[in-house]
Amino acid sequence: MKAPEQLAAFRRAVERLAEALGRPPDPIVRDSAILRFELAFETAWKCCQTLTREQGLLANSPKQALSAAFRLGWITDETLWDEILRLRNTAVHVYHETLAQALFDRLPALVPAFRQLLTSLEGHCT
């Protein structure tokens, strides 16, 4: 997939995550939001991977792609994105209600980071 298509998928994923978080919470909304967070993360790092490779930087993993995006100035808070990566790694293994709820409770604070990265990447592609 080319960068413009990846960016469009990333934008949709972020919008859908925000949409889920805007609904009254219940277990189905929580689980949906967690899955949408995972999708937003996957589309984010793959966009970073594509665009950082165009800059000649190594980006074979999410951590490498996000580190390169930080070096290029597309991410301004590397610590937050390290947390987002850890949360994503946790999300794919959330089977415990308490962990799922803790992750869900953290998600609204992460949406601005996704939006900031999206804006940076769109500015780079134009």
C-alpha atoms as a PDB file:
ATOM      1  CA  MET A   1       0.000   0.000   0.000  1.00  0.00           C
ATOM      2  CA  LYS A   2       1.281   3.466  -0.886  1.00  0.00           C
ATOM      3  CA  ALA A   3       1.718   6.252   1.654  1.00  0.00           C
ATOM      4  CA  PRO A   4      -1.461   8.214   0.744  1.00  0.00           C
ATOM      5  CA  GLU A   5      -3.580   5.064   1.106  1.00  0.00           C
ATOM      6  CA  GLN A   6      -1.877   4.220   4.410  1.00  0.00           C
ATOM      7  CA  LEU A   7      -2.519   7.732   5.691  1.00  0.00           C
ATOM      8  CA  ALA A   8      -6.191   7.454   4.743  1.00  0.00           C
ATOM      9  CA  ALA A   9      -6.429   4.147   6.634  1.00  0.00           C
ATOM     10  CA  PHE A  10      -4.664   5.720   9.618  1.00  0.00           C
ATOM     11  CA  ARG A  11      -7.061   8.682   9.591  1.00  0.00           C
ATOM     12  CA  ARG A  12     -10.082   6.341   9.489  1.00  0.00           C
ATOM     13  CA  ALA A  13      -8.668   4.247  12.342  1.00  0.00           C
ATOM     14  CA  VAL A  14      -8.136   7.319  14.536  1.00  0.00           C
ATOM     15  CA  GLU A  15     -11.625   8.626  13.746  1.00  0.00           C
ATOM     16  CA  ARG A  16     -13.160   5.252  14.592  1.00  0.00           C
ATOM     17  CA  LEU A  17     -11.223   5.070  17.860  1.00  0.00           C
ATOM     18  CA  ALA A  18     -12.466   8.536  18.837  1.00  0.00           C
ATOM     19  CA  GLU A  19     -15.987   7.527  17.821  1.00  0.00           C
ATOM     20  CA  ALA A  20     -15.908   4.453  20.062  1.00  0.00           C
ATOM     21  CA  LEU A  21     -14.565   6.480  22.969  1.00  0.00           C
ATOM     22  CA  GLY A  22     -17.397   8.978  22.525  1.00  0.00           C
ATOM     23  CA  ARG A  23     -20.057   6.365  23.243  1.00  0.00           C
ATOM     24  CA  PRO A  24     -21.475   5.581  26.666  1.00  0.00           C
ATOM     25  CA  PRO A  25     -19.167   2.984  28.164  1.00  0.00           C
ATOM     26  CA  ASP A  26     -20.168  -0.638  28.499  1.00  0.00           C
ATOM     27  CA  PRO A  27     -18.212  -3.885  27.973  1.00  0.00           C
ATOM     28  CA  ILE A  28     -18.901  -3.986  24.225  1.00  0.00           C
ATOM     29  CA  VAL A  29     -17.823  -0.359  23.722  1.00  0.00           C
ATOM     30  CA  ARG A  30     -14.723  -1.025  25.843  1.00  0.00           C
ATOM     31  CA  ASP A  31     -13.739  -4.064  23.777  1.00  0.00           C
ATOM     32  CA  SER A  32     -14.462  -2.241  20.525  1.00  0.00           C
ATOM     33  CA  ALA A  33     -12.352   0.735  21.598  1.00  0.00           C
ATOM     34  CA  ILE A  34      -9.447  -1.551  22.512  1.00  0.00           C
ATOM     35  CA  LEU A  35      -9.591  -3.194  19.091  1.00  0.00           C
ATOM     36  CA  ARG A  36      -9.802   0.198  17.402  1.00  0.00           C
ATOM     37  CA  PHE A  37      -6.776   1.320  19.432  1.00  0.00           C
ATOM     38  CA  GLU A  38      -4.859  -1.692  18.136  1.00  0.00           C
ATOM     39  CA  LEU A  39      -5.857  -0.826  14.564  1.00  0.00           C
ATOM     40  CA  ALA A  40      -4.914   2.833  15.030  1.00  0.00           C
ATOM     41  CA  PHE A  41      -1.523   1.768  16.334  1.00  0.00           C
ATOM     42  CA  GLU A  42      -0.914  -0.698  13.497  1.00  0.00           C
ATOM     43  CA  THR A  43      -1.803   1.828  10.819  1.00  0.00           C
ATOM     44  CA  ALA A  44       0.291   4.494  12.583  1.00  0.00           C
ATOM     45  CA  TRP A  45       3.484   2.501  12.733  1.00  0.00           C
ATOM     46  CA  LYS A  46       3.086   1.190   9.193  1.00  0.00           C
ATOM     47  CA  CYS A  47       2.710   4.765   7.905  1.00  0.00           C
ATOM     48  CA  CYS A  48       5.832   5.690   9.844  1.00  0.00           C
ATOM     49  CA  GLN A  49       7.610   2.660   8.428  1.00  0.00           C
ATOM     50  CA  THR A  50       6.822   3.616   4.847  1.00  0.00           C
ATOM     51  CA  LEU A  51       7.696   7.281   5.237  1.00  0.00           C
ATOM     52  CA  THR A  52      10.867   6.754   7.284  1.00  0.00           C
ATOM     53  CA  ARG A  53      12.143   4.251   4.748  1.00  0.00           C
ATOM     54  CA  GLU A  54      11.685   6.954   2.122  1.00  0.00           C
ATOM     55  CA  GLN A  55      14.051   9.027   4.263  1.00  0.00           C
ATOM     56  CA  GLY A  56      16.595   6.192   4.237  1.00  0.00           C
ATOM     57  CA  LEU A  57      16.047   5.157   7.855  1.00  0.00           C
ATOM     58  CA  LEU A  58      15.678   1.622   9.176  1.00  0.00           C
ATOM     59  CA  ALA A  59      12.112   0.798  10.195  1.00  0.00           C
ATOM     60  CA  ASN A  60      11.571  -2.951  10.355  1.00  0.00           C
ATOM     61  CA  SER A  61       9.596  -2.963  13.598  1.00  0.00           C
ATOM     62  CA  PRO A  62       7.146  -0.681  15.357  1.00  0.00           C
ATOM     63  CA  LYS A  63       9.853   0.475  17.790  1.00  0.00           C
ATOM     64  CA  GLN A  64      12.281   1.292  14.955  1.00  0.00           C
ATOM     65  CA  ALA A  65       9.604   3.097  12.954  1.00  0.00           C
ATOM     66  CA  LEU A  66       8.513   5.185  15.943  1.00  0.00           C
ATOM     67  CA  SER A  67      12.108   5.999  16.909  1.00  0.00           C
ATOM     68  CA  ALA A  68      12.794   7.142  13.359  1.00  0.00           C
ATOM     69  CA  ALA A  69       9.604   9.221  13.378  1.00  0.00           C
ATOM     70  CA  PHE A  70      10.835  10.891  16.572  1.00  0.00           C
ATOM     71  CA  ARG A  71      14.235  11.633  15.018  1.00  0.00           C
ATOM     72  CA  LEU A  72      12.454  13.165  12.031  1.00  0.00           C
ATOM     73  CA  GLY A  73      10.303  15.341  14.298  1.00  0.00           C
ATOM     74  CA  TRP A  74       6.997  13.680  13.438  1.00  0.00           C
ATOM     75  CA  ILE A  75       6.568  12.522  17.034  1.00  0.00           C
ATOM     76  CA  THR A  76       7.198  15.046  19.757  1.00  0.00           C
ATOM     77  CA  ASP A  77       6.808  12.862  22.862  1.00  0.00           C
ATOM     78  CA  GLU A  78       8.899   9.725  22.524  1.00  0.00           C
ATOM     79  CA  THR A  79       8.066   8.622  26.073  1.00  0.00           C
ATOM     80  CA  LEU A  80       4.343   8.715  25.348  1.00  0.00           C
ATOM     81  CA  TRP A  81       4.819   6.673  22.181  1.00  0.00           C
ATOM     82  CA  ASP A  82       6.890   4.133  24.132  1.00  0.00           C
ATOM     83  CA  GLU A  83       3.894   3.840  26.458  1.00  0.00           C
ATOM     84  CA  ILE A  84       1.522   3.507  23.489  1.00  0.00           C
ATOM     85  CA  LEU A  85       3.708   0.690  22.145  1.00  0.00           C
ATOM     86  CA  ARG A  86       3.666  -1.062  25.532  1.00  0.00           C
ATOM     87  CA  LEU A  87      -0.111  -0.634  25.764  1.00  0.00           C
ATOM     88  CA  ARG A  88      -0.537  -2.080  22.290  1.00  0.00           C
ATOM     89  CA  ASN A  89       1.588  -5.069  23.269  1.00  0.00           C
ATOM     90  CA  THR A  90      -0.584  -5.472  26.352  1.00  0.00           C
ATOM     91  CA  ALA A  91      -3.811  -5.029  24.395  1.00  0.00           C
ATOM     92  CA  VAL A  92      -3.247  -8.062  22.225  1.00  0.00           C
ATOM     93  CA  HIS A  93      -3.066 -10.188  25.387  1.00  0.00           C
ATOM     94  CA  VAL A  94      -5.852  -8.622  27.468  1.00  0.00           C
ATOM     95  CA  TYR A  95      -8.049 -11.400  28.794  1.00  0.00           C
ATOM     96  CA  HIS A  96      -8.575 -10.036  32.297  1.00  0.00           C
ATOM     97  CA  GLU A  97     -11.449  -7.612  32.892  1.00  0.00           C
ATOM     98  CA  THR A  98      -9.411  -5.382  35.206  1.00  0.00           C
ATOM     99  CA  LEU A  99      -6.587  -5.011  32.665  1.00  0.00           C
ATOM    100  CA  ALA A 100      -9.049  -4.357  29.857  1.00  0.00           C
ATOM    101  CA  GLN A 101     -10.763  -1.639  31.885  1.00  0.00           C
ATOM    102  CA  ALA A 102      -7.441  -0.016  32.831  1.00  0.00           C
ATOM    103  CA  LEU A 103      -6.424   0.077  29.165  1.00  0.00           C
ATOM    104  CA  PHE A 104      -9.802   1.472  28.130  1.00  0.00           C
ATOM    105  CA  ASP A 105      -9.550   4.182  30.784  1.00  0.00           C
ATOM    106  CA  ARG A 106      -6.171   5.267  29.350  1.00  0.00           C
ATOM    107  CA  LEU A 107      -7.296   5.452  25.705  1.00  0.00           C
ATOM    108  CA  PRO A 108      -8.914   8.940  25.646  1.00  0.00           C
ATOM    109  CA  ALA A 109      -5.593  10.522  26.622  1.00  0.00           C
ATOM    110  CA  LEU A 110      -3.867   8.803  23.679  1.00  0.00           C
ATOM    111  CA  VAL A 111      -6.101  10.075  20.882  1.00  0.00           C
ATOM    112  CA  PRO A 112      -4.346  13.485  20.720  1.00  0.00           C
ATOM    113  CA  ALA A 113      -1.004  11.723  20.155  1.00  0.00           C
ATOM    114  CA  PHE A 114      -2.461   9.784  17.236  1.00  0.00           C
ATOM    115  CA  ARG A 115      -3.941  12.973  15.798  1.00  0.00           C
ATOM    116  CA  GLN A 116      -0.653  14.871  16.178  1.00  0.00           C
ATOM    117  CA  LEU A 117       1.246  12.106  14.381  1.00  0.00           C
ATOM    118  CA  LEU A 118      -1.377  11.975  11.641  1.00  0.00           C
ATOM    119  CA  THR A 119      -1.088  15.730  11.080  1.00  0.00           C
ATOM    120  CA  SER A 120       2.716  15.506  10.966  1.00  0.00           C
ATOM    121  CA  LEU A 121       2.653  12.648   8.477  1.00  0.00           C
ATOM    122  CA  GLU A 122       0.072  14.322   6.266  1.00  0.00           C
ATOM    123  CA  GLY A 123       2.222  17.457   6.239  1.00  0.00           C
ATOM    124  CA  HIS A 124       5.203  15.386   5.195  1.00  0.00           C
ATOM    125  CA  CYS A 125       3.310  13.725   2.327  1.00  0.00           C
ATOM    126  CA  THR A 126       1.997  16.885   0.726  1.00  0.00           C
END
